[in-house]
N, C-alpha and C. Protein backbone atom coordinates (compact mmCIF):
# COMPACT_ATOMS: atom_id res chain seq x y z
N MET A 1 -18.26 -33.85 -0.13
CA MET A 1 -17.77 -32.72 0.44
C MET A 1 -16.41 -32.99 1.02
N ILE A 2 -16.12 -33.65 1.06
CA ILE A 2 -14.39 -33.92 1.69
C ILE A 2 -13.66 -34.22 0.19
N LYS A 3 -14.03 -34.38 -0.96
CA LYS A 3 -13.63 -34.50 -1.81
C LYS A 3 -13.00 -33.14 -2.62
N ASN A 4 -13.97 -32.37 -2.32
CA ASN A 4 -14.31 -31.10 -2.78
C ASN A 4 -13.00 -30.17 -2.17
N LYS A 5 -13.16 -30.48 -0.81
CA LYS A 5 -12.10 -29.48 0.12
C LYS A 5 -10.71 -30.10 -0.35
N PHE A 6 -10.64 -31.34 -0.24
CA PHE A 6 -9.51 -31.61 -0.71
C PHE A 6 -8.77 -31.17 -1.93
N ALA A 7 -9.61 -31.35 -3.06
CA ALA A 7 -9.44 -30.79 -4.61
C ALA A 7 -9.14 -29.27 -4.39
N GLU A 8 -9.84 -28.49 -3.16
CA GLU A 8 -9.44 -27.01 -3.20
C GLU A 8 -8.01 -26.84 -2.66
N LEU A 9 -7.62 -27.84 -1.57
CA LEU A 9 -6.63 -27.51 -0.89
C LEU A 9 -5.29 -28.05 -1.52
N ILE A 10 -5.26 -28.75 -2.93
CA ILE A 10 -4.55 -29.23 -3.73
C ILE A 10 -4.88 -28.25 -4.84
N ASN A 11 -3.95 -26.97 -4.96
CA ASN A 11 -3.88 -25.78 -6.02
C ASN A 11 -2.03 -25.53 -5.44
N VAL A 12 -1.88 -25.07 -7.24
CA VAL A 12 -0.12 -24.73 -6.79
C VAL A 12 0.05 -23.52 -5.62
N LYS A 13 -0.81 -22.73 -5.28
CA LYS A 13 -0.56 -21.68 -4.87
C LYS A 13 -0.24 -22.58 -2.82
N THR A 14 -1.44 -23.38 -2.84
CA THR A 14 -1.21 -23.91 -1.38
C THR A 14 0.11 -24.82 -1.44
N LEU A 15 0.18 -25.35 -2.44
CA LEU A 15 1.76 -26.62 -2.75
C LEU A 15 2.95 -25.71 -2.56
N VAL A 16 2.57 -24.10 -3.00
CA VAL A 16 3.94 -23.64 -2.62
C VAL A 16 4.28 -23.01 -1.54
N THR A 17 3.26 -22.61 -0.98
CA THR A 17 3.10 -22.69 0.77
C THR A 17 3.60 -23.34 1.49
N PHE A 18 2.78 -24.85 1.28
CA PHE A 18 3.48 -25.77 2.11
C PHE A 18 4.94 -26.65 1.87
N VAL A 19 5.67 -26.38 0.62
CA VAL A 19 6.99 -26.41 0.43
C VAL A 19 7.73 -25.48 0.56
N VAL A 20 7.70 -24.23 0.76
CA VAL A 20 8.57 -23.07 1.19
C VAL A 20 8.44 -23.37 2.87
N THR A 21 7.51 -23.52 3.19
CA THR A 21 7.30 -23.52 4.74
C THR A 21 8.23 -24.72 5.20
N GLY A 22 8.08 -25.97 4.75
CA GLY A 22 8.99 -27.11 5.19
C GLY A 22 9.99 -27.10 4.85
N VAL A 23 10.59 -26.62 3.65
CA VAL A 23 12.00 -26.11 3.45
C VAL A 23 12.62 -25.48 4.20
N PHE A 24 11.90 -24.18 4.49
CA PHE A 24 12.64 -23.11 5.30
C PHE A 24 12.56 -23.69 7.12
N ALA A 25 11.62 -24.77 7.02
CA ALA A 25 11.78 -25.15 8.70
C ALA A 25 12.83 -26.11 8.71
N ALA A 26 13.18 -27.14 7.77
CA ALA A 26 14.13 -27.95 7.92
C ALA A 26 15.36 -27.67 7.80
N LEU A 27 15.47 -26.26 6.83
CA LEU A 27 16.93 -25.68 6.94
C LEU A 27 17.22 -24.74 8.23
N ALA A 28 16.05 -24.54 9.10
CA ALA A 28 16.27 -23.78 10.32
C ALA A 28 16.61 -25.38 11.36
N LEU A 29 15.79 -26.33 11.43
CA LEU A 29 16.12 -27.02 12.12
C LEU A 29 17.66 -27.81 11.92
N ARG A 30 18.29 -27.95 10.83
CA ARG A 30 19.55 -28.44 10.42
C ARG A 30 20.79 -27.01 10.88
N GLY A 31 20.13 -26.01 11.33
CA GLY A 31 21.10 -24.58 11.64
C GLY A 31 21.73 -24.45 10.47
N THR A 32 21.15 -24.70 9.18
CA THR A 32 21.71 -23.90 7.89
C THR A 32 21.81 -22.57 7.97
N ILE A 33 20.32 -22.03 8.42
CA ILE A 33 19.85 -20.93 8.20
C ILE A 33 19.39 -20.31 9.79
N ALA A 34 19.79 -19.15 9.86
CA ALA A 34 19.01 -18.47 11.28
C ALA A 34 17.34 -18.84 11.19
N PRO A 35 16.60 -18.91 12.26
CA PRO A 35 15.30 -19.23 12.58
C PRO A 35 14.56 -17.83 12.58
N ASP A 36 15.52 -16.70 12.77
CA ASP A 36 14.57 -15.20 12.71
C ASP A 36 14.27 -15.05 10.90
N VAL A 37 15.12 -15.63 10.23
CA VAL A 37 15.29 -15.27 9.17
C VAL A 37 14.18 -16.51 8.29
N VAL A 38 14.16 -17.75 8.96
CA VAL A 38 13.19 -18.57 8.52
C VAL A 38 11.94 -17.92 8.65
N MET A 39 11.56 -17.62 10.04
CA MET A 39 10.20 -16.76 10.69
C MET A 39 9.64 -15.68 9.65
N THR A 40 10.34 -14.84 9.30
CA THR A 40 10.46 -13.68 8.46
C THR A 40 10.07 -14.13 7.21
N ILE A 41 10.64 -15.18 6.54
CA ILE A 41 10.09 -15.66 4.86
C ILE A 41 9.09 -16.65 4.90
N VAL A 42 8.86 -17.17 5.79
CA VAL A 42 7.62 -18.27 6.11
C VAL A 42 6.10 -17.31 6.44
N THR A 43 6.43 -16.20 7.56
CA THR A 43 5.34 -15.41 7.40
C THR A 43 4.71 -14.22 6.58
N MET A 44 5.97 -14.19 5.50
CA MET A 44 5.70 -13.26 4.12
C MET A 44 4.91 -14.68 3.43
N VAL A 45 5.31 -15.69 3.02
CA VAL A 45 4.00 -16.62 2.04
C VAL A 45 3.41 -16.75 2.26
N ILE A 46 2.66 -17.28 3.81
CA ILE A 46 2.03 -17.50 4.69
C ILE A 46 0.78 -16.23 4.51
N SER A 47 1.50 -15.19 4.75
CA SER A 47 0.33 -13.72 5.09
C SER A 47 -0.07 -13.47 3.16
N PHE A 48 1.02 -13.93 2.47
CA PHE A 48 0.62 -13.58 0.85
C PHE A 48 -0.48 -14.83 0.66
N TYR A 49 -0.44 -16.01 0.91
CA TYR A 49 -0.98 -16.83 0.35
C TYR A 49 -2.73 -16.70 0.94
N PHE A 50 -2.69 -16.31 2.27
CA PHE A 50 -3.94 -16.18 3.05
C PHE A 50 -4.87 -14.78 2.56
N GLY A 51 -3.85 -13.82 2.30
CA GLY A 51 -4.44 -12.50 1.79
C GLY A 51 -5.10 -12.77 0.44
N THR A 52 -3.99 -13.80 -0.55
CA THR A 52 -4.76 -13.86 -1.58
C THR A 52 -6.50 -14.37 -1.61
N GLN A 53 -5.94 -15.51 -0.47
CA GLN A 53 -7.44 -16.51 -0.45
C GLN A 53 -8.47 -15.55 0.24
N HIS A 54 -8.29 -14.47 1.06
CA HIS A 54 -9.19 -13.46 1.52
C HIS A 54 -10.01 -12.59 0.54
N GLU A 55 -9.03 -12.37 -0.58
CA GLU A 55 -9.48 -11.18 -1.81
C GLU A 55 -10.08 -12.32 -2.56
N LYS A 56 -9.77 -13.24 -2.77
CA LYS A 56 -10.68 -13.97 -3.81
C LYS A 56 -11.88 -14.34 -3.14
N GLN A 57 -11.94 -14.61 -1.51
CA GLN A 57 -12.88 -14.77 -0.91
C GLN A 57 -13.97 -13.71 -1.20
N LEU A 58 -13.49 -12.48 -1.14
CA LEU A 58 -14.52 -10.93 -1.17
C LEU A 58 -14.83 -10.97 -2.73
N THR A 59 -13.81 -10.94 -3.40
CA THR A 59 -14.48 -10.97 -4.82
C THR A 59 -15.81 -11.86 -5.30
N LYS A 60 -15.47 -13.16 -4.76
CA LYS A 60 -16.71 -14.36 -5.11
C LYS A 60 -18.00 -13.59 -4.22
N GLU A 61 -17.95 -13.22 -3.02
CA GLU A 61 -18.82 -12.65 -2.59
C GLU A 61 -19.66 -11.63 -2.72
N GLU A 62 -18.78 -10.38 -3.37
CA GLU A 62 -19.05 -9.48 -4.24
C GLU A 62 -19.98 -9.59 -5.41
N ASN A 63 -19.27 -10.94 -6.26
CA ASN A 63 -19.73 -11.37 -7.73
C ASN A 63 -21.34 -11.67 -7.07
N ASP A 64 -21.44 -12.59 -6.02
CA ASP A 64 -22.68 -13.36 -5.90
C ASP A 64 -23.58 -12.48 -5.22
N THR A 65 -23.57 -11.04 -4.61
CA THR A 65 -24.32 -9.87 -4.21
C THR A 65 -24.87 -9.31 -5.41
N THR A 66 -23.80 -8.81 -6.75
CA THR A 66 -24.23 -8.13 -7.51
C THR A 66 -24.77 -8.99 -8.62
N GLY A 67 -25.24 -10.28 -8.37
CA GLY A 67 -25.76 -11.39 -9.29
C GLY A 67 -24.88 -11.74 -10.58
N GLY A 68 -23.20 -11.43 -10.13
CA GLY A 68 -22.49 -11.66 -11.24
C GLY A 68 -22.24 -11.03 -12.47
N GLN A 69 -22.60 -9.47 -12.28
CA GLN A 69 -22.76 -8.61 -13.25
C GLN A 69 -21.53 -7.75 -12.80
N GLU A 70 -20.61 -7.49 -14.14
CA GLU A 70 -19.58 -6.73 -13.96
C GLU A 70 -20.02 -5.33 -14.21
N ASP A 71 -19.26 -4.31 -13.80
CA ASP A 71 -19.59 -2.68 -13.90
C ASP A 71 -19.15 -2.32 -15.37
N ALA A 72 -19.66 -1.25 -15.95
CA ALA A 72 -19.81 -1.15 -17.37
C ALA A 72 -18.40 -0.60 -17.51
N ASP A 73 -17.60 -0.46 -16.16
CA ASP A 73 -16.02 0.18 -16.27
C ASP A 73 -15.34 -1.32 -16.83
N GLY A 74 -15.67 -2.37 -16.57
CA GLY A 74 -14.99 -3.55 -16.78
C GLY A 74 -14.88 -4.44 -15.81
């Protein structure tokens, strides 16, 4: 079970989210970039990440409910 969770954690979107957050946090701590700019960028990246994860989960639940069959439209 732990292996499955770890495997799900390591995907491109997750790595990009962590890297972007880390880079902008480091820049803010060094004083290279204003903290309010960092907060805005990191909030956008994390919101996008969790938004896509939520949408993916909703789609999966929808497919489970319908038995995995798609509509006639596609």
